[in-house]
Protein backbone atom coordinates (compact mmCIF):
# COMPACT_ATOMS: atom_id res chain seq x y z
CA UNK A 1 -6.61 -5.94 -10.64
CA UNK A 2 -8.51 -6.38 -13.91
CA UNK A 3 -7.93 -8.72 -16.81
CA UNK A 4 -7.78 -7.57 -20.41
CA UNK A 5 -10.92 -8.07 -22.44
CA UNK A 6 -11.27 -11.65 -23.66
CA UNK A 7 -12.97 -13.01 -26.74
CA UNK A 8 -15.50 -14.85 -24.60
CA UNK A 9 -16.53 -11.71 -22.65
CA UNK A 10 -16.42 -13.68 -19.39
CA UNK A 11 -18.32 -11.89 -16.66
CA UNK A 12 -16.12 -10.50 -13.92
CA UNK A 13 -16.50 -9.02 -10.45
CA UNK A 14 -14.28 -6.76 -8.39
CA UNK A 15 -14.31 -7.27 -4.62
CA UNK A 16 -12.32 -4.66 -2.74
CA UNK A 17 -12.05 -4.81 1.06
CA UNK A 18 -11.29 -1.68 3.09
CA UNK A 19 -9.97 -3.03 6.39
CA UNK A 20 -9.58 -1.01 9.57
CA UNK A 21 -6.22 -1.81 11.20
CA UNK A 22 -6.36 0.77 13.98
CA UNK A 23 -5.51 -0.08 17.58
CA UNK A 24 -9.15 -0.49 18.60
CA UNK A 25 -9.45 -3.47 16.21
CA UNK A 26 -6.82 -5.41 18.18
CA UNK A 27 -9.47 -7.15 20.25
CA UNK A 28 -10.59 -9.10 17.16
CA UNK A 29 -7.15 -10.53 16.42
CA UNK A 30 -6.10 -13.08 15.23
CA UNK A 31 -9.58 -14.57 14.66
CA UNK A 32 -10.78 -11.82 12.30
CA UNK A 33 -7.86 -12.22 9.89
CA UNK A 34 -8.14 -16.02 9.98
CA UNK A 35 -11.85 -15.74 9.14
CA UNK A 36 -11.12 -13.23 6.39
CA UNK A 37 -8.63 -15.58 4.77
CA UNK A 38 -11.21 -18.41 4.67
CA UNK A 39 -13.89 -15.97 3.49
CA UNK A 40 -11.77 -14.82 0.53
CA UNK A 41 -10.76 -18.36 -0.41
CA UNK A 42 -14.33 -19.66 -0.26
CA UNK A 43 -15.74 -16.68 -2.14
CA UNK A 44 -13.16 -17.05 -4.88
CA UNK A 45 -14.06 -20.73 -5.33
CA UNK A 46 -17.81 -20.02 -5.35
CA UNK A 47 -17.59 -17.27 -7.97
CA UNK A 48 -15.29 -19.32 -10.19
CA UNK A 49 -17.74 -22.24 -9.91
CA UNK A 50 -20.39 -19.93 -11.40
CA UNK A 51 -18.19 -19.41 -14.45
CA UNK A 52 -17.27 -15.85 -13.50
CA UNK A 53 -13.98 -14.17 -12.69
CA UNK A 54 -13.43 -12.38 -9.39
CA UNK A 55 -10.65 -9.87 -8.77
CA UNK A 56 -9.91 -9.47 -5.06
CA UNK A 57 -7.94 -6.60 -3.56
CA UNK A 58 -7.63 -5.04 -0.13
CA UNK A 59 -6.74 -1.76 1.54
CA UNK A 60 -5.41 -1.56 5.10
CA UNK A 61 -5.85 1.71 6.94
CA UNK A 62 -5.21 3.52 10.20
CA UNK A 63 -4.07 7.07 11.00
CA UNK A 64 -0.43 6.01 10.54
CA UNK A 65 -0.65 4.06 7.29
CA UNK A 66 -2.67 3.37 4.14
CA UNK A 67 -1.60 0.48 1.92
CA UNK A 68 -3.04 -1.62 -0.90
CA UNK A 69 -2.77 -5.26 -1.96
CA UNK A 70 -3.90 -5.85 -5.54
CA UNK A 71 -4.53 -9.60 -5.69
CA UNK A 72 -6.02 -12.48 -3.73
CA UNK A 73 -2.59 -14.05 -3.25
CA UNK A 74 -0.93 -10.91 -1.89
CA UNK A 75 -3.94 -10.10 0.31
CA UNK A 76 -3.94 -13.54 1.94
CA UNK A 77 -0.17 -13.46 2.31
CA UNK A 78 -0.31 -10.17 4.22
CA UNK A 79 -3.26 -11.28 6.37
CA UNK A 80 -1.31 -14.37 7.42
CA UNK A 81 1.80 -12.32 8.08
CA UNK A 82 0.08 -9.68 10.20
CA UNK A 83 -2.66 -11.55 12.10
CA UNK A 84 -0.42 -11.82 15.19
CA UNK A 85 0.91 -8.28 14.80
CA UNK A 86 0.13 -5.54 17.31
CA UNK A 87 -2.15 -2.96 15.68
CA UNK A 88 -1.66 0.78 16.16
CA UNK A 89 -3.02 4.17 15.19
CA UNK A 90 -6.46 5.76 15.27
CA UNK A 91 -9.44 5.33 12.94
CA UNK A 92 -9.36 7.75 10.01
CA UNK A 93 -12.24 6.00 8.30
CA UNK A 94 -13.58 8.94 6.24
CA UNK A 95 -10.14 9.79 4.86
CA UNK A 96 -9.48 6.12 4.05
CA UNK A 97 -12.79 5.72 2.23
CA UNK A 98 -12.12 8.82 0.14
CA UNK A 99 -8.67 7.55 -0.83
CA UNK A 100 -10.04 4.11 -1.69
CA UNK A 101 -12.63 5.62 -4.03
CA UNK A 102 -9.81 7.48 -5.79
CA UNK A 103 -7.73 4.30 -5.95
CA UNK A 104 -10.43 2.09 -7.47
CA UNK A 105 -11.56 4.87 -9.84
CA UNK A 106 -8.01 5.32 -11.07
CA UNK A 107 -7.66 1.60 -11.71
CA UNK A 108 -10.90 1.55 -13.68
CA UNK A 109 -10.30 4.73 -15.67
CA UNK A 110 -6.60 4.48 -16.46
CA UNK A 111 -5.71 0.82 -16.81
CA UNK A 112 -7.21 0.54 -20.31
CA UNK A 113 -9.01 -2.64 -19.32
CA UNK A 114 -12.55 -3.93 -19.56
CA UNK A 115 -14.74 -2.83 -16.69
CA UNK A 116 -16.32 -5.56 -14.55
CA UNK A 117 -20.01 -6.32 -14.47
CA UNK A 118 -20.15 -5.55 -10.76
CA UNK A 119 -17.99 -3.93 -8.08
CA UNK A 120 -18.31 -4.55 -4.35
CA UNK A 121 -16.58 -2.32 -1.81
CA UNK A 122 -16.71 -3.76 1.72
CA UNK A 123 -15.66 -1.69 4.72
CA UNK A 124 -14.77 -3.70 7.84
CA UNK A 125 -14.33 -1.47 10.89
CA UNK A 126 -15.49 -0.97 14.46
CA UNK A 127 -16.72 2.38 13.13
CA UNK A 128 -15.13 4.61 15.76
CA UNK A 129 -14.06 7.43 13.43
CA UNK A 130 -11.74 9.75 15.36
CA UNK A 131 -8.88 10.94 13.18
CA UNK A 132 -9.97 12.03 9.69
CA UNK A 133 -8.85 15.56 8.86
CA UNK A 134 -9.18 15.83 5.07
CA UNK A 135 -12.67 14.51 4.36
CA UNK A 136 -16.08 16.06 4.89
CA UNK A 137 -18.69 13.32 5.59
CA UNK A 138 -21.30 15.05 3.41
CA UNK A 139 -18.89 15.30 0.48
CA UNK A 140 -17.85 11.68 1.09
CA UNK A 141 -21.44 10.48 0.82
CA UNK A 142 -21.84 12.34 -2.48
CA UNK A 143 -18.67 10.69 -3.76
CA UNK A 144 -19.94 7.26 -2.67
CA UNK A 145 -23.24 7.80 -4.48
CA UNK A 146 -21.57 9.04 -7.68
CA UNK A 147 -19.03 6.21 -7.71
CA UNK A 148 -21.71 3.56 -7.34
CA UNK A 149 -23.91 5.04 -10.07
CA UNK A 150 -21.02 5.34 -12.51
CA UNK A 151 -19.50 1.90 -11.93
CA UNK A 152 -22.38 -0.48 -11.10
CA UNK A 153 -20.90 -0.70 -7.62
CA UNK A 154 -22.27 -1.52 -4.20
CA UNK A 155 -20.89 -0.31 -0.88
CA UNK A 156 -21.26 -2.69 2.07
CA UNK A 157 -20.40 -1.91 5.69
CA UNK A 158 -19.60 -4.50 8.35
CA UNK A 159 -19.34 -2.58 11.60
CA UNK A 160 -20.70 -1.72 14.99
CA UNK A 161 -21.14 2.01 14.28
CA UNK A 162 -22.22 3.47 10.91
CA UNK A 163 -22.06 7.31 10.98
CA UNK A 164 -24.89 7.68 8.44
CA UNK A 165 -22.60 6.66 5.60
CA UNK A 166 -24.58 6.10 2.42
CA UNK A 167 -24.34 2.40 1.63
CA UNK A 168 -26.28 -0.43 0.04
CA UNK A 169 -26.07 -2.90 2.91
CA UNK A 170 -25.23 -2.63 6.60
CA UNK A 171 -24.19 -5.78 8.44
CA UNK A 172 -24.12 -5.00 12.14
CA UNK A 173 -21.75 -6.61 14.63
CA UNK A 174 -22.73 -4.92 17.93
CA UNK A 175 -19.61 -6.08 19.79
CA UNK A 176 -17.40 -4.18 17.35
CA UNK A 177 -18.98 -0.93 18.51
CA UNK A 178 -18.36 -1.86 22.14
CA UNK A 179 -14.62 -2.58 21.91
CA UNK A 180 -15.39 -6.27 22.42
CA UNK A 181 -15.25 -9.28 20.13
CA UNK A 182 -17.83 -11.83 19.07
CA UNK A 183 -16.23 -14.35 16.69
CA UNK A 184 -19.56 -16.07 16.02
CA UNK A 185 -21.13 -12.79 14.92
CA UNK A 186 -18.12 -11.94 12.75
CA UNK A 187 -18.29 -15.31 11.01
CA UNK A 188 -22.02 -14.92 10.50
CA UNK A 189 -21.49 -11.48 8.96
CA UNK A 190 -18.83 -12.77 6.56
CA UNK A 191 -21.07 -15.70 5.58
CA UNK A 192 -23.91 -13.27 4.85
CA UNK A 193 -21.57 -11.13 2.78
CA UNK A 194 -20.42 -14.13 0.76
CA UNK A 195 -23.99 -15.27 0.15
CA UNK A 196 -24.96 -11.79 -1.02
CA UNK A 197 -22.07 -11.48 -3.45
CA UNK A 198 -22.74 -14.96 -4.80
CA UNK A 199 -26.28 -13.89 -5.63
CA UNK A 200 -28.14 -15.23 -2.61
CA UNK A 201 -30.30 -13.16 -0.30
CA UNK A 202 -29.06 -12.16 3.14
């Protein structure tokens, strides 16, 4: 996930996606995953063109499963493999966010590697939280605030429903909150996200 410290002190960025794979996200398939693949490829090229390193990883969550891919290659490989797959499970978004904070914190604190100059966590979900059982939303917001202060991180949400989660940027896709799909709006949101991470204004 992170490279060992180099003599040139090359600036690096971590971009970690937290992707909702619950049944209610099925309506966006396979277009969403196809767009995500292009988004990651284009973002990687743009950041490298700026002379920076970018470390891309992804978490996939629903009430039945939580998994992690730790590189751009493995993330794209899984997106390609699963974009035609039938999704299942409910949306345990709060629990998944809490576990992702623990995951990224562990990687930063225990890998013995140089910390990046910036961390971006991007949640992509329809926002219909309905299955979390281990996470209090108030405690989760405190954890989000503390994580961002400690690690120079930003939390970005792309969704249709937001649940008052404390974040730096909200990119709204209304159709996602209505169990419908709008590929144009999804592409626009991903383009805005890329522009923001690359240093442009939304």
